Amino acid sequence: LFAFANAGVVLQGMSLSSLLDPVPLGVALGLIV
């Protein structure tokens, strides 16, 4: 239920360049690298 309430990424208005924004890039590379 927590995941359902908090994992709803709204993709509208996003592009591949959105992944390079500081927050998603920092979070993703923090977890991966």
PDB file of all heavy atoms in Angstrom:
ATOM      1  N   LEU A   1       0.833  -1.199   0.000  1.00  0.00           N
ATOM      2  CA  LEU A   1       0.000   0.000   0.000  1.00  0.00           C
ATOM      3  C   LEU A   1       0.873   1.255   0.000  1.00  0.00           C
ATOM      4  O   LEU A   1       0.578   2.229  -0.704  1.00  0.00           O
ATOM      5  CB  LEU A   1      -0.925  -0.004   1.217  1.00  0.00           C
ATOM      6  CG  LEU A   1      -1.880   1.196   1.351  1.00  0.00           C
ATOM      7  CD1 LEU A   1      -2.767   1.330   0.124  1.00  0.00           C
ATOM      8  CD2 LEU A   1      -2.727   1.074   2.617  1.00  0.00           C
ATOM      9  N   PHE A   2       1.959   1.222   0.774  1.00  0.00           N
ATOM     10  CA  PHE A   2       2.898   2.346   0.773  1.00  0.00           C
ATOM     11  C   PHE A   2       3.477   2.539  -0.632  1.00  0.00           C
ATOM     12  O   PHE A   2       3.592   3.667  -1.123  1.00  0.00           O
ATOM     13  CB  PHE A   2       4.025   2.092   1.774  1.00  0.00           C
ATOM     14  CG  PHE A   2       5.149   3.082   1.672  1.00  0.00           C
ATOM     15  CD1 PHE A   2       5.070   4.310   2.307  1.00  0.00           C
ATOM     16  CD2 PHE A   2       6.291   2.793   0.935  1.00  0.00           C
ATOM     17  CE1 PHE A   2       6.108   5.238   2.206  1.00  0.00           C
ATOM     18  CE2 PHE A   2       7.323   3.708   0.817  1.00  0.00           C
ATOM     19  CZ  PHE A   2       7.229   4.936   1.456  1.00  0.00           C
ATOM     20  N   ALA A   3       3.867   1.432  -1.263  1.00  0.00           N
ATOM     21  CA  ALA A   3       4.436   1.520  -2.613  1.00  0.00           C
ATOM     22  C   ALA A   3       3.411   2.077  -3.595  1.00  0.00           C
ATOM     23  O   ALA A   3       3.735   2.917  -4.445  1.00  0.00           O
ATOM     24  CB  ALA A   3       4.913   0.140  -3.065  1.00  0.00           C
ATOM     25  N   PHE A   4       2.179   1.631  -3.483  1.00  0.00           N
ATOM     26  CA  PHE A   4       1.121   2.111  -4.385  1.00  0.00           C
ATOM     27  C   PHE A   4       0.885   3.607  -4.195  1.00  0.00           C
ATOM     28  O   PHE A   4       0.626   4.330  -5.156  1.00  0.00           O
ATOM     29  CB  PHE A   4      -0.174   1.340  -4.135  1.00  0.00           C
ATOM     30  CG  PHE A   4      -1.300   1.740  -5.050  1.00  0.00           C
ATOM     31  CD1 PHE A   4      -1.313   1.345  -6.379  1.00  0.00           C
ATOM     32  CD2 PHE A   4      -2.340   2.535  -4.587  1.00  0.00           C
ATOM     33  CE1 PHE A   4      -2.339   1.723  -7.231  1.00  0.00           C
ATOM     34  CE2 PHE A   4      -3.373   2.920  -5.425  1.00  0.00           C
ATOM     35  CZ  PHE A   4      -3.368   2.507  -6.754  1.00  0.00           C
ATOM     36  N   ALA A   5       0.995   4.073  -2.953  1.00  0.00           N
ATOM     37  CA  ALA A   5       0.744   5.496  -2.669  1.00  0.00           C
ATOM     38  C   ALA A   5       1.926   6.388  -3.026  1.00  0.00           C
ATOM     39  O   ALA A   5       1.741   7.574  -3.271  1.00  0.00           O
ATOM     40  CB  ALA A   5       0.397   5.666  -1.186  1.00  0.00           C
ATOM     41  N   ASN A   6       3.148   5.825  -3.079  1.00  0.00           N
ATOM     42  CA  ASN A   6       4.334   6.664  -3.219  1.00  0.00           C
ATOM     43  C   ASN A   6       5.135   6.442  -4.500  1.00  0.00           C
ATOM     44  O   ASN A   6       6.037   7.225  -4.789  1.00  0.00           O
ATOM     45  CB  ASN A   6       5.271   6.440  -2.025  1.00  0.00           C
ATOM     46  CG  ASN A   6       4.743   7.050  -0.746  1.00  0.00           C
ATOM     47  OD1 ASN A   6       4.968   8.220  -0.456  1.00  0.00           O
ATOM     48  ND2 ASN A   6       4.008   6.254   0.028  1.00  0.00           N
ATOM     49  N   ALA A   7       4.834   5.391  -5.258  1.00  0.00           N
ATOM     50  CA  ALA A   7       5.656   5.074  -6.430  1.00  0.00           C
ATOM     51  C   ALA A   7       5.034   5.538  -7.743  1.00  0.00           C
ATOM     52  O   ALA A   7       5.529   5.194  -8.816  1.00  0.00           O
ATOM     53  CB  ALA A   7       5.923   3.563  -6.490  1.00  0.00           C
ATOM     54  N   GLY A   8       3.961   6.322  -7.667  1.00  0.00           N
ATOM     55  CA  GLY A   8       3.265   6.745  -8.887  1.00  0.00           C
ATOM     56  C   GLY A   8       3.968   7.868  -9.621  1.00  0.00           C
ATOM     57  O   GLY A   8       3.586   9.041  -9.497  1.00  0.00           O
ATOM     58  N   VAL A   9       4.995   7.543 -10.390  1.00  0.00           N
ATOM     59  CA  VAL A   9       5.712   8.554 -11.170  1.00  0.00           C
ATOM     60  C   VAL A   9       4.821   9.041 -12.313  1.00  0.00           C
ATOM     61  O   VAL A   9       4.330   8.233 -13.117  1.00  0.00           O
ATOM     62  CB  VAL A   9       7.013   7.982 -11.767  1.00  0.00           C
ATOM     63  CG1 VAL A   9       7.734   9.051 -12.590  1.00  0.00           C
ATOM     64  CG2 VAL A   9       7.912   7.461 -10.668  1.00  0.00           C
ATOM     65  N   VAL A  10       4.602  10.333 -12.390  1.00  0.00           N
ATOM     66  CA  VAL A  10       3.835  10.913 -13.498  1.00  0.00           C
ATOM     67  C   VAL A  10       4.811  11.225 -14.628  1.00  0.00           C
ATOM     68  O   VAL A  10       5.691  12.076 -14.490  1.00  0.00           O
ATOM     69  CB  VAL A  10       3.096  12.193 -13.050  1.00  0.00           C
ATOM     70  CG1 VAL A  10       2.328  12.797 -14.220  1.00  0.00           C
ATOM     71  CG2 VAL A  10       2.147  11.877 -11.890  1.00  0.00           C
ATOM     72  N   LEU A  11       4.681  10.525 -15.744  1.00  0.00           N
ATOM     73  CA  LEU A  11       5.630  10.648 -16.852  1.00  0.00           C
ATOM     74  C   LEU A  11       5.285  11.788 -17.804  1.00  0.00           C
ATOM     75  O   LEU A  11       6.115  12.160 -18.644  1.00  0.00           O
ATOM     76  CB  LEU A  11       5.695   9.331 -17.628  1.00  0.00           C
ATOM     77  CG  LEU A  11       6.149   8.102 -16.816  1.00  0.00           C
ATOM     78  CD1 LEU A  11       6.079   6.849 -17.669  1.00  0.00           C
ATOM     79  CD2 LEU A  11       7.559   8.311 -16.276  1.00  0.00           C
ATOM     80  N   GLN A  12       4.087  12.336 -17.676  1.00  0.00           N
ATOM     81  CA  GLN A  12       3.684  13.415 -18.573  1.00  0.00           C
ATOM     82  C   GLN A  12       4.619  14.616 -18.418  1.00  0.00           C
ATOM     83  O   GLN A  12       4.892  15.088 -17.323  1.00  0.00           O
ATOM     84  CB  GLN A  12       2.247  13.843 -18.285  1.00  0.00           C
ATOM     85  CG  GLN A  12       1.710  14.900 -19.241  1.00  0.00           C
ATOM     86  CD  GLN A  12       0.270  15.266 -18.932  1.00  0.00           C
ATOM     87  OE1 GLN A  12      -0.313  14.763 -17.979  1.00  0.00           O
ATOM     88  NE2 GLN A  12      -0.294  16.143 -19.731  1.00  0.00           N
ATOM     89  N   GLY A  13       5.117  15.100 -19.520  1.00  0.00           N
ATOM     90  CA  GLY A  13       6.015  16.243 -19.516  1.00  0.00           C
ATOM     91  C   GLY A  13       7.473  15.883 -19.303  1.00  0.00           C
ATOM     92  O   GLY A  13       8.347  16.744 -19.338  1.00  0.00           O
ATOM     93  N   MET A  14       7.747  14.583 -19.072  1.00  0.00           N
ATOM     94  CA  MET A  14       9.123  14.146 -18.877  1.00  0.00           C
ATOM     95  C   MET A  14       9.717  13.659 -20.197  1.00  0.00           C
ATOM     96  O   MET A  14       9.013  13.209 -21.100  1.00  0.00           O
ATOM     97  CB  MET A  14       9.202  13.021 -17.842  1.00  0.00           C
ATOM     98  CG  MET A  14       9.054  13.475 -16.409  1.00  0.00           C
ATOM     99  SD  MET A  14       9.498  12.158 -15.258  1.00  0.00           S
ATOM    100  CE  MET A  14       9.481  13.049 -13.707  1.00  0.00           C
ATOM    101  N   SER A  15      11.043  13.739 -20.294  1.00  0.00           N
ATOM    102  CA  SER A  15      11.778  13.221 -21.443  1.00  0.00           C
ATOM    103  C   SER A  15      13.044  12.560 -20.926  1.00  0.00           C
ATOM    104  O   SER A  15      13.297  12.539 -19.712  1.00  0.00           O
ATOM    105  CB  SER A  15      12.121  14.355 -22.417  1.00  0.00           C
ATOM    106  OG  SER A  15      12.973  15.301 -21.786  1.00  0.00           O
ATOM    107  N   LEU A  16      13.850  12.004 -21.816  1.00  0.00           N
ATOM    108  CA  LEU A  16      15.095  11.380 -21.387  1.00  0.00           C
ATOM    109  C   LEU A  16      16.009  12.384 -20.687  1.00  0.00           C
ATOM    110  O   LEU A  16      16.774  12.016 -19.785  1.00  0.00           O
ATOM    111  CB  LEU A  16      15.821  10.765 -22.589  1.00  0.00           C
ATOM    112  CG  LEU A  16      15.180   9.502 -23.185  1.00  0.00           C
ATOM    113  CD1 LEU A  16      15.944   9.059 -24.425  1.00  0.00           C
ATOM    114  CD2 LEU A  16      15.151   8.381 -22.145  1.00  0.00           C
ATOM    115  N   SER A  17      15.899  13.648 -21.077  1.00  0.00           N
ATOM    116  CA  SER A  17      16.734  14.667 -20.441  1.00  0.00           C
ATOM    117  C   SER A  17      16.349  14.884 -18.978  1.00  0.00           C
ATOM    118  O   SER A  17      17.159  15.395 -18.182  1.00  0.00           O
ATOM    119  CB  SER A  17      16.628  15.990 -21.199  1.00  0.00           C
ATOM    120  OG  SER A  17      15.291  16.479 -21.176  1.00  0.00           O
ATOM    121  N   SER A  18      15.116  14.481 -18.604  1.00  0.00           N
ATOM    122  CA  SER A  18      14.689  14.621 -17.208  1.00  0.00           C
ATOM    123  C   SER A  18      15.536  13.766 -16.277  1.00  0.00           C
ATOM    124  O   SER A  18      15.681  14.080 -15.090  1.00  0.00           O
ATOM    125  CB  SER A  18      13.211  14.235 -17.068  1.00  0.00           C
ATOM    126  OG  SER A  18      12.384  15.050 -17.868  1.00  0.00           O
ATOM    127  N   LEU A  19      16.086  12.671 -16.826  1.00  0.00           N
ATOM    128  CA  LEU A  19      16.933  11.797 -16.016  1.00  0.00           C
ATOM    129  C   LEU A  19      18.232  12.479 -15.610  1.00  0.00           C
ATOM    130  O   LEU A  19      18.907  12.032 -14.680  1.00  0.00           O
ATOM    131  CB  LEU A  19      17.245  10.510 -16.790  1.00  0.00           C
ATOM    132  CG  LEU A  19      16.061   9.601 -17.110  1.00  0.00           C
ATOM    133  CD1 LEU A  19      16.497   8.452 -18.002  1.00  0.00           C
ATOM    134  CD2 LEU A  19      15.441   9.062 -15.824  1.00  0.00           C
ATOM    135  N   LEU A  20      18.587  13.545 -16.325  1.00  0.00           N
ATOM    136  CA  LEU A  20      19.834  14.252 -16.037  1.00  0.00           C
ATOM    137  C   LEU A  20      19.650  15.391 -15.047  1.00  0.00           C
ATOM    138  O   LEU A  20      20.611  16.085 -14.713  1.00  0.00           O
ATOM    139  CB  LEU A  20      20.437  14.788 -17.343  1.00  0.00           C
ATOM    140  CG  LEU A  20      20.773  13.732 -18.401  1.00  0.00           C
ATOM    141  CD1 LEU A  20      21.337  14.382 -19.651  1.00  0.00           C
ATOM    142  CD2 LEU A  20      21.742  12.693 -17.846  1.00  0.00           C
ATOM    143  N   ASP A  21      18.416  15.600 -14.586  1.00  0.00           N
ATOM    144  CA  ASP A  21      18.190  16.596 -13.542  1.00  0.00           C
ATOM    145  C   ASP A  21      18.894  16.145 -12.263  1.00  0.00           C
ATOM    146  O   ASP A  21      19.056  14.934 -12.020  1.00  0.00           O
ATOM    147  CB  ASP A  21      16.696  16.779 -13.293  1.00  0.00           C
ATOM    148  CG  ASP A  21      16.001  17.485 -14.448  1.00  0.00           C
ATOM    149  OD1 ASP A  21      16.711  18.143 -15.234  1.00  0.00           O
ATOM    150  OD2 ASP A  21      14.768  17.364 -14.579  1.00  0.00           O
ATOM    151  N   PRO A  22      19.314  17.080 -11.409  1.00  0.00           N
ATOM    152  CA  PRO A  22      20.136  16.727 -10.240  1.00  0.00           C
ATOM    153  C   PRO A  22      19.533  15.663  -9.326  1.00  0.00           C
ATOM    154  O   PRO A  22      20.246  14.765  -8.881  1.00  0.00           O
ATOM    155  CB  PRO A  22      20.290  18.066  -9.512  1.00  0.00           C
ATOM    156  CG  PRO A  22      20.142  19.098 -10.575  1.00  0.00           C
ATOM    157  CD  PRO A  22      19.145  18.538 -11.541  1.00  0.00           C
ATOM    158  N   VAL A  23      18.227  15.744  -9.038  1.00  0.00           N
ATOM    159  CA  VAL A  23      17.630  14.811  -8.082  1.00  0.00           C
ATOM    160  C   VAL A  23      17.562  13.388  -8.635  1.00  0.00           C
ATOM    161  O   VAL A  23      18.098  12.449  -8.014  1.00  0.00           O
ATOM    162  CB  VAL A  23      16.238  15.294  -7.614  1.00  0.00           C
ATOM    163  CG1 VAL A  23      15.530  14.200  -6.805  1.00  0.00           C
ATOM    164  CG2 VAL A  23      16.374  16.555  -6.765  1.00  0.00           C
ATOM    165  N   PRO A  24      16.904  13.150  -9.793  1.00  0.00           N
ATOM    166  CA  PRO A  24      16.857  11.765 -10.284  1.00  0.00           C
ATOM    167  C   PRO A  24      18.235  11.202 -10.606  1.00  0.00           C
ATOM    168  O   PRO A  24      18.492  10.015 -10.372  1.00  0.00           O
ATOM    169  CB  PRO A  24      15.976  11.851 -11.535  1.00  0.00           C
ATOM    170  CG  PRO A  24      15.940  13.277 -11.914  1.00  0.00           C
ATOM    171  CD  PRO A  24      16.125  14.058 -10.663  1.00  0.00           C
ATOM    172  N   LEU A  25      19.129  12.040 -11.134  1.00  0.00           N
ATOM    173  CA  LEU A  25      20.478  11.564 -11.454  1.00  0.00           C
ATOM    174  C   LEU A  25      21.245  11.210 -10.187  1.00  0.00           C
ATOM    175  O   LEU A  25      21.910  10.166 -10.112  1.00  0.00           O
ATOM    176  CB  LEU A  25      21.228  12.632 -12.253  1.00  0.00           C
ATOM    177  CG  LEU A  25      22.585  12.217 -12.840  1.00  0.00           C
ATOM    178  CD1 LEU A  25      22.410  11.085 -13.840  1.00  0.00           C
ATOM    179  CD2 LEU A  25      23.263  13.404 -13.504  1.00  0.00           C
ATOM    180  N   GLY A  26      21.163  12.083  -9.174  1.00  0.00           N
ATOM    181  CA  GLY A  26      21.853  11.819  -7.914  1.00  0.00           C
ATOM    182  C   GLY A  26      21.324  10.581  -7.211  1.00  0.00           C
ATOM    183  O   GLY A  26      22.103   9.769  -6.688  1.00  0.00           O
ATOM    184  N   VAL A  27      19.993  10.410  -7.212  1.00  0.00           N
ATOM    185  CA  VAL A  27      19.390   9.242  -6.565  1.00  0.00           C
ATOM    186  C   VAL A  27      19.750   7.965  -7.315  1.00  0.00           C
ATOM    187  O   VAL A  27      20.193   6.972  -6.721  1.00  0.00           O
ATOM    188  CB  VAL A  27      17.861   9.400  -6.467  1.00  0.00           C
ATOM    189  CG1 VAL A  27      17.211   8.094  -6.006  1.00  0.00           C
ATOM    190  CG2 VAL A  27      17.492  10.528  -5.517  1.00  0.00           C
ATOM    191  N   ALA A  28      19.558   7.971  -8.647  1.00  0.00           N
ATOM    192  CA  ALA A  28      19.802   6.767  -9.445  1.00  0.00           C
ATOM    193  C   ALA A  28      21.268   6.345  -9.388  1.00  0.00           C
ATOM    194  O   ALA A  28      21.578   5.165  -9.145  1.00  0.00           O
ATOM    195  CB  ALA A  28      19.367   7.005 -10.892  1.00  0.00           C
ATOM    196  N   LEU A  29      22.191   7.290  -9.599  1.00  0.00           N
ATOM    197  CA  LEU A  29      23.610   6.937  -9.555  1.00  0.00           C
ATOM    198  C   LEU A  29      24.063   6.611  -8.139  1.00  0.00           C
ATOM    199  O   LEU A  29      24.977   5.803  -7.950  1.00  0.00           O
ATOM    200  CB  LEU A  29      24.453   8.074 -10.134  1.00  0.00           C
ATOM    201  CG  LEU A  29      24.334   8.292 -11.644  1.00  0.00           C
ATOM    202  CD1 LEU A  29      25.267   9.397 -12.108  1.00  0.00           C
ATOM    203  CD2 LEU A  29      24.628   7.007 -12.413  1.00  0.00           C
ATOM    204  N   GLY A  30      23.432   7.236  -7.147  1.00  0.00           N
ATOM    205  CA  GLY A  30      23.745   6.883  -5.765  1.00  0.00           C
ATOM    206  C   GLY A  30      23.430   5.423  -5.497  1.00  0.00           C
ATOM    207  O   GLY A  30      24.223   4.705  -4.863  1.00  0.00           O
ATOM    208  N   LEU A  31      22.272   4.956  -5.980  1.00  0.00           N
ATOM    209  CA  LEU A  31      21.875   3.567  -5.775  1.00  0.00           C
ATOM    210  C   LEU A  31      22.692   2.603  -6.637  1.00  0.00           C
ATOM    211  O   LEU A  31      23.103   1.533  -6.174  1.00  0.00           O
ATOM    212  CB  LEU A  31      20.384   3.401  -6.090  1.00  0.00           C
ATOM    213  CG  LEU A  31      19.410   4.059  -5.106  1.00  0.00           C
ATOM    214  CD1 LEU A  31      17.988   4.011  -5.639  1.00  0.00           C
ATOM    215  CD2 LEU A  31      19.478   3.388  -3.733  1.00  0.00           C
ATOM    216  N   ILE A  32      22.924   2.977  -7.893  1.00  0.00           N
ATOM    217  CA  ILE A  32      23.607   2.063  -8.814  1.00  0.00           C
ATOM    218  C   ILE A  32      25.116   2.054  -8.569  1.00  0.00           C
ATOM    219  O   ILE A  32      25.723   1.000  -8.359  1.00  0.00           O
ATOM    220  CB  ILE A  32      23.323   2.450 -10.278  1.00  0.00           C
ATOM    221  CG1 ILE A  32      21.824   2.356 -10.577  1.00  0.00           C
ATOM    222  CG2 ILE A  32      24.096   1.530 -11.232  1.00  0.00           C
ATOM    223  CD1 ILE A  32      21.422   2.992 -11.899  1.00  0.00           C
ATOM    224  N   VAL A  33      25.738   3.223  -8.613  1.00  0.00           N
ATOM    225  CA  VAL A  33      27.199   3.328  -8.495  1.00  0.00           C
ATOM    226  C   VAL A  33      27.631   3.420  -7.028  1.00  0.00           C
ATOM    227  O   VAL A  33      28.546   2.718  -6.591  1.00  0.00           O
ATOM    228  CB  VAL A  33      27.725   4.553  -9.278  1.00  0.00           C
ATOM    229  CG1 VAL A  33      29.233   4.677  -9.114  1.00  0.00           C
ATOM    230  CG2 VAL A  33      27.349   4.450 -10.747  1.00  0.00           C
TER     231      VAL A  33
END
